Amino acid sequence: MNLAMCMSHLGLDPRAYLLNLSRLGREARITAARIMLVEAKRAAKTKMAQHHPDRGGSHDEFVKINASLDHIIKETETFIAALEERAKEAAEKSAKTPRIVIGD
């Protein structure tokens, strides 16, 4: 399973999400990824309620929804951690860059 398939399985549009991310800066991407994660959890909760085996739903479909959400959470948290690490590295590099001060 990949991220796009998992998002589609929950009724989310992976293409629109990825296109949106590509247009944003690093900090905005972190925020957008967190928002998408909230949306994925909300969509999964709705689908799980619809397909819950105790309510006559399919056990296999319920398991697929849960697996999709787990995969989205894992991938999104990895993505956010990588962006935060890059931001930290950029800040450290910027702090080490000599500055020329003109005036006072």
PDB file of N, CA and C in Angstrom:
ATOM      1  N   MET A   1       0.833  -1.178   0.000  1.00  0.00           N
ATOM      2  CA  MET A   1       0.000   0.000   0.000  1.00  0.00           C
ATOM      3  C   MET A   1       0.882   1.247   0.000  1.00  0.00           C
ATOM      4  N   ASN A   2       0.471   2.239  -0.781  1.00  0.00           N
ATOM      5  CA  ASN A   2       1.195   3.499  -0.746  1.00  0.00           C
ATOM      6  C   ASN A   2       0.269   4.590  -0.212  1.00  0.00           C
ATOM      7  N   LEU A   3       0.827   5.753   0.013  1.00  0.00           N
ATOM      8  CA  LEU A   3       0.079   6.845   0.618  1.00  0.00           C
ATOM      9  C   LEU A   3      -1.136   7.241  -0.215  1.00  0.00           C
ATOM     10  N   ALA A   4      -0.966   7.326  -1.526  1.00  0.00           N
ATOM     11  CA  ALA A   4      -2.078   7.727  -2.395  1.00  0.00           C
ATOM     12  C   ALA A   4      -3.233   6.726  -2.324  1.00  0.00           C
ATOM     13  N   MET A   5      -2.915   5.445  -2.343  1.00  0.00           N
ATOM     14  CA  MET A   5      -3.969   4.421  -2.249  1.00  0.00           C
ATOM     15  C   MET A   5      -4.687   4.508  -0.905  1.00  0.00           C
ATOM     16  N   CYS A   6      -3.938   4.722   0.151  1.00  0.00           N
ATOM     17  CA  CYS A   6      -4.532   4.813   1.485  1.00  0.00           C
ATOM     18  C   CYS A   6      -5.448   6.024   1.598  1.00  0.00           C
ATOM     19  N   MET A   7      -4.992   7.155   1.073  1.00  0.00           N
ATOM     20  CA  MET A   7      -5.820   8.355   1.111  1.00  0.00           C
ATOM     21  C   MET A   7      -7.093   8.156   0.293  1.00  0.00           C
ATOM     22  N   SER A   8      -6.965   7.576  -0.880  1.00  0.00           N
ATOM     23  CA  SER A   8      -8.130   7.308  -1.729  1.00  0.00           C
ATOM     24  C   SER A   8      -9.111   6.380  -1.029  1.00  0.00           C
ATOM     25  N   HIS A   9      -8.573   5.398  -0.332  1.00  0.00           N
ATOM     26  CA  HIS A   9      -9.422   4.440   0.376  1.00  0.00           C
ATOM     27  C   HIS A   9     -10.268   5.130   1.451  1.00  0.00           C
ATOM     28  N   LEU A  10      -9.746   6.217   2.001  1.00  0.00           N
ATOM     29  CA  LEU A  10     -10.493   6.967   3.010  1.00  0.00           C
ATOM     30  C   LEU A  10     -11.357   8.068   2.407  1.00  0.00           C
ATOM     31  N   GLY A  11     -11.331   8.182   1.073  1.00  0.00           N
ATOM     32  CA  GLY A  11     -12.149   9.184   0.407  1.00  0.00           C
ATOM     33  C   GLY A  11     -11.468  10.535   0.278  1.00  0.00           C
ATOM     34  N   LEU A  12     -10.161  10.590   0.509  1.00  0.00           N
ATOM     35  CA  LEU A  12      -9.403  11.828   0.373  1.00  0.00           C
ATOM     36  C   LEU A  12      -8.769  11.894  -1.013  1.00  0.00           C
ATOM     37  N   ASP A  13      -8.454  13.091  -1.464  1.00  0.00           N
ATOM     38  CA  ASP A  13      -7.873  13.288  -2.792  1.00  0.00           C
ATOM     39  C   ASP A  13      -6.358  13.455  -2.664  1.00  0.00           C
ATOM     40  N   PRO A  14      -5.590  12.397  -2.912  1.00  0.00           N
ATOM     41  CA  PRO A  14      -4.136  12.493  -2.730  1.00  0.00           C
ATOM     42  C   PRO A  14      -3.478  13.462  -3.707  1.00  0.00           C
ATOM     43  N   ARG A  15      -4.006  13.555  -4.910  1.00  0.00           N
ATOM     44  CA  ARG A  15      -3.395  14.436  -5.911  1.00  0.00           C
ATOM     45  C   ARG A  15      -3.504  15.899  -5.476  1.00  0.00           C
ATOM     46  N   ALA A  16      -4.676  16.302  -5.010  1.00  0.00           N
ATOM     47  CA  ALA A  16      -4.874  17.683  -4.557  1.00  0.00           C
ATOM     48  C   ALA A  16      -3.988  17.974  -3.346  1.00  0.00           C
ATOM     49  N   TYR A  17      -3.885  17.009  -2.452  1.00  0.00           N
ATOM     50  CA  TYR A  17      -3.058  17.178  -1.253  1.00  0.00           C
ATOM     51  C   TYR A  17      -1.593  17.375  -1.629  1.00  0.00           C
ATOM     52  N   LEU A  18      -1.075  16.522  -2.498  1.00  0.00           N
ATOM     53  CA  LEU A  18       0.327  16.610  -2.889  1.00  0.00           C
ATOM     54  C   LEU A  18       0.607  17.867  -3.715  1.00  0.00           C
ATOM     55  N   LEU A  19      -0.334  18.262  -4.553  1.00  0.00           N
ATOM     56  CA  LEU A  19      -0.178  19.487  -5.328  1.00  0.00           C
ATOM     57  C   LEU A  19      -0.127  20.692  -4.399  1.00  0.00           C
ATOM     58  N   ASN A  20      -0.983  20.699  -3.404  1.00  0.00           N
ATOM     59  CA  ASN A  20      -0.989  21.771  -2.415  1.00  0.00           C
ATOM     60  C   ASN A  20       0.346  21.829  -1.672  1.00  0.00           C
ATOM     61  N   LEU A  21       0.857  20.682  -1.249  1.00  0.00           N
ATOM     62  CA  LEU A  21       2.140  20.649  -0.533  1.00  0.00           C
ATOM     63  C   LEU A  21       3.281  21.185  -1.387  1.00  0.00           C
ATOM     64  N   SER A  22       3.255  20.887  -2.671  1.00  0.00           N
ATOM     65  CA  SER A  22       4.343  21.309  -3.545  1.00  0.00           C
ATOM     66  C   SER A  22       4.406  22.824  -3.705  1.00  0.00           C
ATOM     67  N   ARG A  23       3.337  23.506  -3.396  1.00  0.00           N
ATOM     68  CA  ARG A  23       3.278  24.963  -3.555  1.00  0.00           C
ATOM     69  C   ARG A  23       3.626  25.719  -2.278  1.00  0.00           C
ATOM     70  N   LEU A  24       3.837  25.000  -1.205  1.00  0.00           N
ATOM     71  CA  LEU A  24       4.054  25.640   0.086  1.00  0.00           C
ATOM     72  C   LEU A  24       5.516  25.634   0.501  1.00  0.00           C
ATOM     73  N   GLY A  25       5.858  26.558   1.382  1.00  0.00           N
ATOM     74  CA  GLY A  25       7.184  26.565   1.986  1.00  0.00           C
ATOM     75  C   GLY A  25       7.273  25.518   3.079  1.00  0.00           C
ATOM     76  N   ARG A  26       8.458  25.355   3.651  1.00  0.00           N
ATOM     77  CA  ARG A  26       8.706  24.290   4.625  1.00  0.00           C
ATOM     78  C   ARG A  26       7.771  24.364   5.836  1.00  0.00           C
ATOM     79  N   GLU A  27       7.683  25.524   6.455  1.00  0.00           N
ATOM     80  CA  GLU A  27       6.836  25.647   7.649  1.00  0.00           C
ATOM     81  C   GLU A  27       5.366  25.409   7.331  1.00  0.00           C
ATOM     82  N   ALA A  28       4.924  25.934   6.203  1.00  0.00           N
ATOM     83  CA  ALA A  28       3.532  25.739   5.803  1.00  0.00           C
ATOM     84  C   ALA A  28       3.259  24.273   5.462  1.00  0.00           C
ATOM     85  N   ARG A  29       4.260  23.574   4.943  1.00  0.00           N
ATOM     86  CA  ARG A  29       4.088  22.144   4.647  1.00  0.00           C
ATOM     87  C   ARG A  29       3.865  21.350   5.924  1.00  0.00           C
ATOM     88  N   ILE A  30       4.583  21.706   6.971  1.00  0.00           N
ATOM     89  CA  ILE A  30       4.400  21.014   8.249  1.00  0.00           C
ATOM     90  C   ILE A  30       2.969  21.192   8.741  1.00  0.00           C
ATOM     91  N   THR A  31       2.483  22.426   8.688  1.00  0.00           N
ATOM     92  CA  THR A  31       1.108  22.715   9.115  1.00  0.00           C
ATOM     93  C   THR A  31       0.096  21.977   8.238  1.00  0.00           C
ATOM     94  N   ALA A  32       0.310  22.019   6.929  1.00  0.00           N
ATOM     95  CA  ALA A  32      -0.611  21.351   6.001  1.00  0.00           C
ATOM     96  C   ALA A  32      -0.629  19.841   6.224  1.00  0.00           C
ATOM     97  N   ALA A  33       0.523  19.261   6.514  1.00  0.00           N
ATOM     98  CA  ALA A  33       0.586  17.816   6.772  1.00  0.00           C
ATOM     99  C   ALA A  33      -0.173  17.463   8.051  1.00  0.00           C
ATOM    100  N   ARG A  34      -0.049  18.312   9.054  1.00  0.00           N
ATOM    101  CA  ARG A  34      -0.794  18.067  10.310  1.00  0.00           C
ATOM    102  C   ARG A  34      -2.300  18.191  10.092  1.00  0.00           C
ATOM    103  N   ILE A  35      -2.700  19.155   9.281  1.00  0.00           N
ATOM    104  CA  ILE A  35      -4.120  19.322   8.962  1.00  0.00           C
ATOM    105  C   ILE A  35      -4.638  18.110   8.197  1.00  0.00           C
ATOM    106  N   MET A  36      -3.848  17.639   7.225  1.00  0.00           N
ATOM    107  CA  MET A  36      -4.259  16.458   6.458  1.00  0.00           C
ATOM    108  C   MET A  36      -4.408  15.247   7.369  1.00  0.00           C
ATOM    109  N   LEU A  37      -3.535  15.134   8.358  1.00  0.00           N
ATOM    110  CA  LEU A  37      -3.604  14.012   9.285  1.00  0.00           C
ATOM    111  C   LEU A  37      -4.913  14.057  10.084  1.00  0.00           C
ATOM    112  N   VAL A  38      -5.311  15.242  10.507  1.00  0.00           N
ATOM    113  CA  VAL A  38      -6.587  15.399  11.214  1.00  0.00           C
ATOM    114  C   VAL A  38      -7.744  15.019  10.291  1.00  0.00           C
ATOM    115  N   GLU A  39      -7.673  15.465   9.043  1.00  0.00           N
ATOM    116  CA  GLU A  39      -8.725  15.128   8.069  1.00  0.00           C
ATOM    117  C   GLU A  39      -8.779  13.625   7.816  1.00  0.00           C
ATOM    118  N   ALA A  40      -7.625  12.982   7.737  1.00  0.00           N
ATOM    119  CA  ALA A  40      -7.580  11.530   7.516  1.00  0.00           C
ATOM    120  C   ALA A  40      -8.192  10.790   8.703  1.00  0.00           C
ATOM    121  N   LYS A  41      -7.886  11.230   9.900  1.00  0.00           N
ATOM    122  CA  LYS A  41      -8.458  10.591  11.095  1.00  0.00           C
ATOM    123  C   LYS A  41      -9.975  10.757  11.123  1.00  0.00           C
ATOM    124  N   ARG A  42     -10.443  11.942  10.742  1.00  0.00           N
ATOM    125  CA  ARG A  42     -11.887  12.204  10.715  1.00  0.00           C
ATOM    126  C   ARG A  42     -12.562  11.319   9.663  1.00  0.00           C
ATOM    127  N   ALA A  43     -11.956  11.222   8.479  1.00  0.00           N
ATOM    128  CA  ALA A  43     -12.516  10.398   7.406  1.00  0.00           C
ATOM    129  C   ALA A  43     -12.520   8.921   7.801  1.00  0.00           C
ATOM    130  N   ALA A  44     -11.442   8.479   8.446  1.00  0.00           N
ATOM    131  CA  ALA A  44     -11.365   7.080   8.878  1.00  0.00           C
ATOM    132  C   ALA A  44     -12.420   6.782   9.931  1.00  0.00           C
ATOM    133  N   LYS A  45     -12.624   7.699  10.845  1.00  0.00           N
ATOM    134  CA  LYS A  45     -13.630   7.493  11.892  1.00  0.00           C
ATOM    135  C   LYS A  45     -15.020   7.330  11.282  1.00  0.00           C
ATOM    136  N   THR A  46     -15.319   8.172  10.290  1.00  0.00           N
ATOM    137  CA  THR A  46     -16.618   8.079   9.613  1.00  0.00           C
ATOM    138  C   THR A  46     -16.762   6.748   8.887  1.00  0.00           C
ATOM    139  N   LYS A  47     -15.723   6.369   8.138  1.00  0.00           N
ATOM    140  CA  LYS A  47     -15.776   5.096   7.392  1.00  0.00           C
ATOM    141  C   LYS A  47     -15.817   3.900   8.337  1.00  0.00           C
ATOM    142  N   MET A  48     -15.080   3.972   9.436  1.00  0.00           N
ATOM    143  CA  MET A  48     -15.095   2.858  10.397  1.00  0.00           C
ATOM    144  C   MET A  48     -16.486   2.677  10.989  1.00  0.00           C
ATOM    145  N   ALA A  49     -17.157   3.790  11.260  1.00  0.00           N
ATOM    146  CA  ALA A  49     -18.519   3.708  11.790  1.00  0.00           C
ATOM    147  C   ALA A  49     -19.453   3.065  10.768  1.00  0.00           C
ATOM    148  N   GLN A  50     -19.264   3.399   9.493  1.00  0.00           N
ATOM    149  CA  GLN A  50     -20.109   2.846   8.435  1.00  0.00           C
ATOM    150  C   GLN A  50     -19.864   1.356   8.221  1.00  0.00           C
ATOM    151  N   HIS A  51     -18.619   0.926   8.373  1.00  0.00           N
ATOM    152  CA  HIS A  51     -18.246  -0.449   8.041  1.00  0.00           C
ATOM    153  C   HIS A  51     -17.928  -1.310   9.260  1.00  0.00           C
ATOM    154  N   HIS A  52     -18.323  -0.857  10.436  1.00  0.00           N
ATOM    155  CA  HIS A  52     -18.008  -1.613  11.643  1.00  0.00           C
ATOM    156  C   HIS A  52     -18.729  -2.964  11.628  1.00  0.00           C
ATOM    157  N   PRO A  53     -17.993  -4.033  11.900  1.00  0.00           N
ATOM    158  CA  PRO A  53     -18.600  -5.372  11.860  1.00  0.00           C
ATOM    159  C   PRO A  53     -19.773  -5.546  12.835  1.00  0.00           C
ATOM    160  N   ASP A  54     -19.745  -4.854  13.957  1.00  0.00           N
ATOM    161  CA  ASP A  54     -20.845  -4.963  14.927  1.00  0.00           C
ATOM    162  C   ASP A  54     -22.128  -4.297  14.431  1.00  0.00           C
ATOM    163  N   ARG A  55     -21.984  -3.504  13.382  1.00  0.00           N
ATOM    164  CA  ARG A  55     -23.151  -2.824  12.800  1.00  0.00           C
ATOM    165  C   ARG A  55     -23.489  -3.379  11.426  1.00  0.00           C
ATOM    166  N   GLY A  56     -23.030  -4.590  11.164  1.00  0.00           N
ATOM    167  CA  GLY A  56     -23.352  -5.249   9.902  1.00  0.00           C
ATOM    168  C   GLY A  56     -22.381  -4.964   8.775  1.00  0.00           C
ATOM    169  N   GLY A  57     -21.289  -4.293   9.089  1.00  0.00           N
ATOM    170  CA  GLY A  57     -20.295  -3.981   8.062  1.00  0.00           C
ATOM    171  C   GLY A  57     -19.331  -5.136   7.839  1.00  0.00           C
ATOM    172  N   SER A  58     -18.485  -4.973   6.860  1.00  0.00           N
ATOM    173  CA  SER A  58     -17.509  -5.989   6.499  1.00  0.00           C
ATOM    174  C   SER A  58     -16.266  -5.884   7.375  1.00  0.00           C
ATOM    175  N   HIS A  59     -15.866  -7.006   7.948  1.00  0.00           N
ATOM    176  CA  HIS A  59     -14.651  -7.043   8.774  1.00  0.00           C
ATOM    177  C   HIS A  59     -13.432  -6.712   7.914  1.00  0.00           C
ATOM    178  N   ASP A  60     -13.370  -7.252   6.706  1.00  0.00           N
ATOM    179  CA  ASP A  60     -12.230  -6.999   5.821  1.00  0.00           C
ATOM    180  C   ASP A  60     -12.107  -5.512   5.476  1.00  0.00           C
ATOM    181  N   GLU A  61     -13.229  -4.884   5.176  1.00  0.00           N
ATOM    182  CA  GLU A  61     -13.209  -3.449   4.854  1.00  0.00           C
ATOM    183  C   GLU A  61     -12.783  -2.639   6.076  1.00  0.00           C
ATOM    184  N   PHE A  62     -13.256  -3.018   7.237  1.00  0.00           N
ATOM    185  CA  PHE A  62     -12.887  -2.335   8.479  1.00  0.00           C
ATOM    186  C   PHE A  62     -11.384  -2.427   8.715  1.00  0.00           C
ATOM    187  N   VAL A  63     -10.819  -3.594   8.481  1.00  0.00           N
ATOM    188  CA  VAL A  63      -9.376  -3.801   8.648  1.00  0.00           C
ATOM    189  C   VAL A  63      -8.594  -2.956   7.634  1.00  0.00           C
ATOM    190  N   LYS A  64      -9.086  -2.881   6.396  1.00  0.00           N
ATOM    191  CA  LYS A  64      -8.418  -2.078   5.361  1.00  0.00           C
ATOM    192  C   LYS A  64      -8.426  -0.590   5.733  1.00  0.00           C
ATOM    193  N   ILE A  65      -9.538  -0.123   6.248  1.00  0.00           N
ATOM    194  CA  ILE A  65      -9.635   1.285   6.657  1.00  0.00           C
ATOM    195  C   ILE A  65      -8.633   1.572   7.775  1.00  0.00           C
ATOM    196  N   ASN A  66      -8.587   0.703   8.750  1.00  0.00           N
ATOM    197  CA  ASN A  66      -7.664   0.859   9.877  1.00  0.00           C
ATOM    198  C   ASN A  66      -6.210   0.819   9.400  1.00  0.00           C
ATOM    199  N   ALA A  67      -5.898  -0.099   8.504  1.00  0.00           N
ATOM    200  CA  ALA A  67      -4.539  -0.202   7.965  1.00  0.00           C
ATOM    201  C   ALA A  67      -4.177   1.047   7.158  1.00  0.00           C
ATOM    202  N   SER A  68      -5.135   1.555   6.399  1.00  0.00           N
ATOM    203  CA  SER A  68      -4.900   2.781   5.627  1.00  0.00           C
ATOM    204  C   SER A  68      -4.581   3.947   6.552  1.00  0.00           C
ATOM    205  N   LEU A  69      -5.360   4.082   7.609  1.00  0.00           N
ATOM    206  CA  LEU A  69      -5.110   5.168   8.556  1.00  0.00           C
ATOM    207  C   LEU A  69      -3.749   5.009   9.216  1.00  0.00           C
ATOM    208  N   ASP A  70      -3.414   3.807   9.638  1.00  0.00           N
ATOM    209  CA  ASP A  70      -2.109   3.564  10.256  1.00  0.00           C
ATOM    210  C   ASP A  70      -0.973   3.949   9.315  1.00  0.00           C
ATOM    211  N   HIS A  71      -1.110   3.590   8.041  1.00  0.00           N
ATOM    212  CA  HIS A  71      -0.075   3.910   7.057  1.00  0.00           C
ATOM    213  C   HIS A  71       0.041   5.425   6.851  1.00  0.00           C
ATOM    214  N   ILE A  72      -1.086   6.101   6.770  1.00  0.00           N
ATOM    215  CA  ILE A  72      -1.083   7.558   6.599  1.00  0.00           C
ATOM    216  C   ILE A  72      -0.422   8.227   7.804  1.00  0.00           C
ATOM    217  N   ILE A  73      -0.755   7.777   8.995  1.00  0.00           N
ATOM    218  CA  ILE A  73      -0.152   8.349  10.206  1.00  0.00           C
ATOM    219  C   ILE A  73       1.362   8.164  10.182  1.00  0.00           C
ATOM    220  N   LYS A  74       1.811   6.954   9.883  1.00  0.00           N
ATOM    221  CA  LYS A  74       3.248   6.662   9.862  1.00  0.00           C
ATOM    222  C   LYS A  74       3.973   7.522   8.835  1.00  0.00           C
ATOM    223  N   GLU A  75       3.448   7.571   7.619  1.00  0.00           N
ATOM    224  CA  GLU A  75       4.085   8.333   6.547  1.00  0.00           C
ATOM    225  C   GLU A  75       4.085   9.831   6.843  1.00  0.00           C
ATOM    226  N   THR A  76       2.990  10.334   7.365  1.00  0.00           N
ATOM    227  CA  THR A  76       2.887  11.761   7.648  1.00  0.00           C
ATOM    228  C   THR A  76       3.818  12.167   8.792  1.00  0.00           C
ATOM    229  N   GLU A  77       3.879  11.354   9.830  1.00  0.00           N
ATOM    230  CA  GLU A  77       4.778  11.666  10.946  1.00  0.00           C
ATOM    231  C   GLU A  77       6.242  11.619  10.508  1.00  0.00           C
ATOM    232  N   THR A  78       6.582  10.688   9.625  1.00  0.00           N
ATOM    233  CA  THR A  78       7.943  10.617   9.088  1.00  0.00           C
ATOM    234  C   THR A  78       8.245  11.861   8.254  1.00  0.00           C
ATOM    235  N   PHE A  79       7.292  12.276   7.434  1.00  0.00           N
ATOM    236  CA  PHE A  79       7.436  13.467   6.594  1.00  0.00           C
ATOM    237  C   PHE A  79       7.629  14.712   7.460  1.00  0.00           C
ATOM    238  N   ILE A  80       6.804  14.866   8.480  1.00  0.00           N
ATOM    239  CA  ILE A  80       6.901  16.031   9.371  1.00  0.00           C
ATOM    240  C   ILE A  80       8.243  16.043  10.092  1.00  0.00           C
ATOM    241  N   ALA A  81       8.678  14.893  10.584  1.00  0.00           N
ATOM    242  CA  ALA A  81       9.963  14.808  11.286  1.00  0.00           C
ATOM    243  C   ALA A  81      11.117  15.204  10.363  1.00  0.00           C
ATOM    244  N   ALA A  82      11.065  14.776   9.112  1.00  0.00           N
ATOM    245  CA  ALA A  82      12.114  15.122   8.151  1.00  0.00           C
ATOM    246  C   ALA A  82      12.121  16.622   7.874  1.00  0.00           C
ATOM    247  N   LEU A  83      10.937  17.217   7.716  1.00  0.00           N
ATOM    248  CA  LEU A  83      10.865  18.661   7.482  1.00  0.00           C
ATOM    249  C   LEU A  83      11.377  19.439   8.687  1.00  0.00           C
ATOM    250  N   GLU A  84      11.024  18.997   9.885  1.00  0.00           N
ATOM    251  CA  GLU A  84      11.492  19.673  11.087  1.00  0.00           C
ATOM    252  C   GLU A  84      13.006  19.566  11.240  1.00  0.00           C
ATOM    253  N   GLU A  85      13.560  18.424  10.875  1.00  0.00           N
ATOM    254  CA  GLU A  85      15.012  18.234  10.941  1.00  0.00           C
ATOM    255  C   GLU A  85      15.709  19.166   9.942  1.00  0.00           C
ATOM    256  N   ARG A  86      15.166  19.263   8.741  1.00  0.00           N
ATOM    257  CA  ARG A  86      15.749  20.177   7.745  1.00  0.00           C
ATOM    258  C   ARG A  86      15.660  21.624   8.193  1.00  0.00           C
ATOM    259  N   ALA A  87      14.563  21.998   8.815  1.00  0.00           N
ATOM    260  CA  ALA A  87      14.404  23.364   9.316  1.00  0.00           C
ATOM    261  C   ALA A  87      15.431  23.654  10.411  1.00  0.00           C
ATOM    262  N   LYS A  88      15.645  22.674  11.265  1.00  0.00           N
ATOM    263  CA  LYS A  88      16.639  22.827  12.336  1.00  0.00           C
ATOM    264  C   LYS A  88      18.039  22.987  11.755  1.00  0.00           C
ATOM    265  N   GLU A  89      18.370  22.166  10.768  1.00  0.00           N
ATOM    266  CA  GLU A  89      19.679  22.256  10.108  1.00  0.00           C
ATOM    267  C   GLU A  89      19.860  23.603   9.418  1.00  0.00           C
ATOM    268  N   ALA A  90      18.805  24.090   8.771  1.00  0.00           N
ATOM    269  CA  ALA A  90      18.887  25.390   8.088  1.00  0.00           C
ATOM    270  C   ALA A  90      19.081  26.516   9.099  1.00  0.00           C
ATOM    271  N   ALA A  91      18.414  26.424  10.230  1.00  0.00           N
ATOM    272  CA  ALA A  91      18.557  27.452  11.266  1.00  0.00           C
ATOM    273  C   ALA A  91      19.971  27.445  11.842  1.00  0.00           C
ATOM    274  N   GLU A  92      20.517  26.250  12.068  1.00  0.00           N
ATOM    275  CA  GLU A  92      21.885  26.144  12.589  1.00  0.00           C
ATOM    276  C   GLU A  92      22.891  26.693  11.580  1.00  0.00           C
ATOM    277  N   LYS A  93      22.692  26.400  10.322  1.00  0.00           N
ATOM    278  CA  LYS A  93      23.588  26.888   9.283  1.00  0.00           C
ATOM    279  C   LYS A  93      23.506  28.407   9.193  1.00  0.00           C
ATOM    280  N   SER A  94      22.301  28.938   9.283  1.00  0.00           N
ATOM    281  CA  SER A  94      22.106  30.378   9.214  1.00  0.00           C
ATOM    282  C   SER A  94      22.759  31.077  10.409  1.00  0.00           C
ATOM    283  N   ALA A  95      22.706  30.452  11.576  1.00  0.00           N
ATOM    284  CA  ALA A  95      23.304  31.040  12.774  1.00  0.00           C
ATOM    285  C   ALA A  95      24.826  31.107  12.662  1.00  0.00           C
ATOM    286  N   LYS A  96      25.413  30.211  11.899  1.00  0.00           N
ATOM    287  CA  LYS A  96      26.871  30.168  11.743  1.00  0.00           C
ATOM    288  C   LYS A  96      27.374  31.083  10.632  1.00  0.00           C
ATOM    289  N   THR A  97      26.461  31.580   9.806  1.00  0.00           N
ATOM    290  CA  THR A  97      26.848  32.433   8.685  1.00  0.00           C
ATOM    291  C   THR A  97      27.252  33.809   9.208  1.00  0.00           C
ATOM    292  N   PRO A  98      28.446  34.286   8.816  1.00  0.00           N
ATOM    293  CA  PRO A  98      28.880  35.604   9.270  1.00  0.00           C
ATOM    294  C   PRO A  98      27.951  36.708   8.755  1.00  0.00           C
ATOM    295  N   ARG A  99      27.716  37.694   9.558  1.00  0.00           N
ATOM    296  CA  ARG A  99      26.843  38.815   9.203  1.00  0.00           C
ATOM    297  C   ARG A  99      27.680  40.095   9.145  1.00  0.00           C
ATOM    298  N   ILE A 100      27.385  40.914   8.180  1.00  0.00           N
ATOM    299  CA  ILE A 100      28.032  42.223   8.062  1.00  0.00           C
ATOM    300  C   ILE A 100      27.037  43.258   8.588  1.00  0.00           C
ATOM    301  N   VAL A 101      27.467  43.991   9.594  1.00  0.00           N
ATOM    302  CA  VAL A 101      26.603  45.005  10.191  1.00  0.00           C
ATOM    303  C   VAL A 101      27.118  46.373   9.766  1.00  0.00           C
ATOM    304  N   ILE A 102      26.236  47.155   9.203  1.00  0.00           N
ATOM    305  CA  ILE A 102      26.571  48.512   8.770  1.00  0.00           C
ATOM    306  C   ILE A 102      25.878  49.489   9.706  1.00  0.00           C
ATOM    307  N   GLY A 103      26.632  50.402  10.251  1.00  0.00           N
ATOM    308  CA  GLY A 103      26.036  51.375  11.168  1.00  0.00           C
ATOM    309  C   GLY A 103      26.340  51.003  12.597  1.00  0.00           C
ATOM    310  N   ASP A 104      25.378  51.277  13.465  1.00  0.00           N
ATOM    311  CA  ASP A 104      25.588  51.036  14.898  1.00  0.00           C
ATOM    312  C   ASP A 104      25.959  49.638  15.131  1.00  0.00           C
TER     313      ASP A 104
END
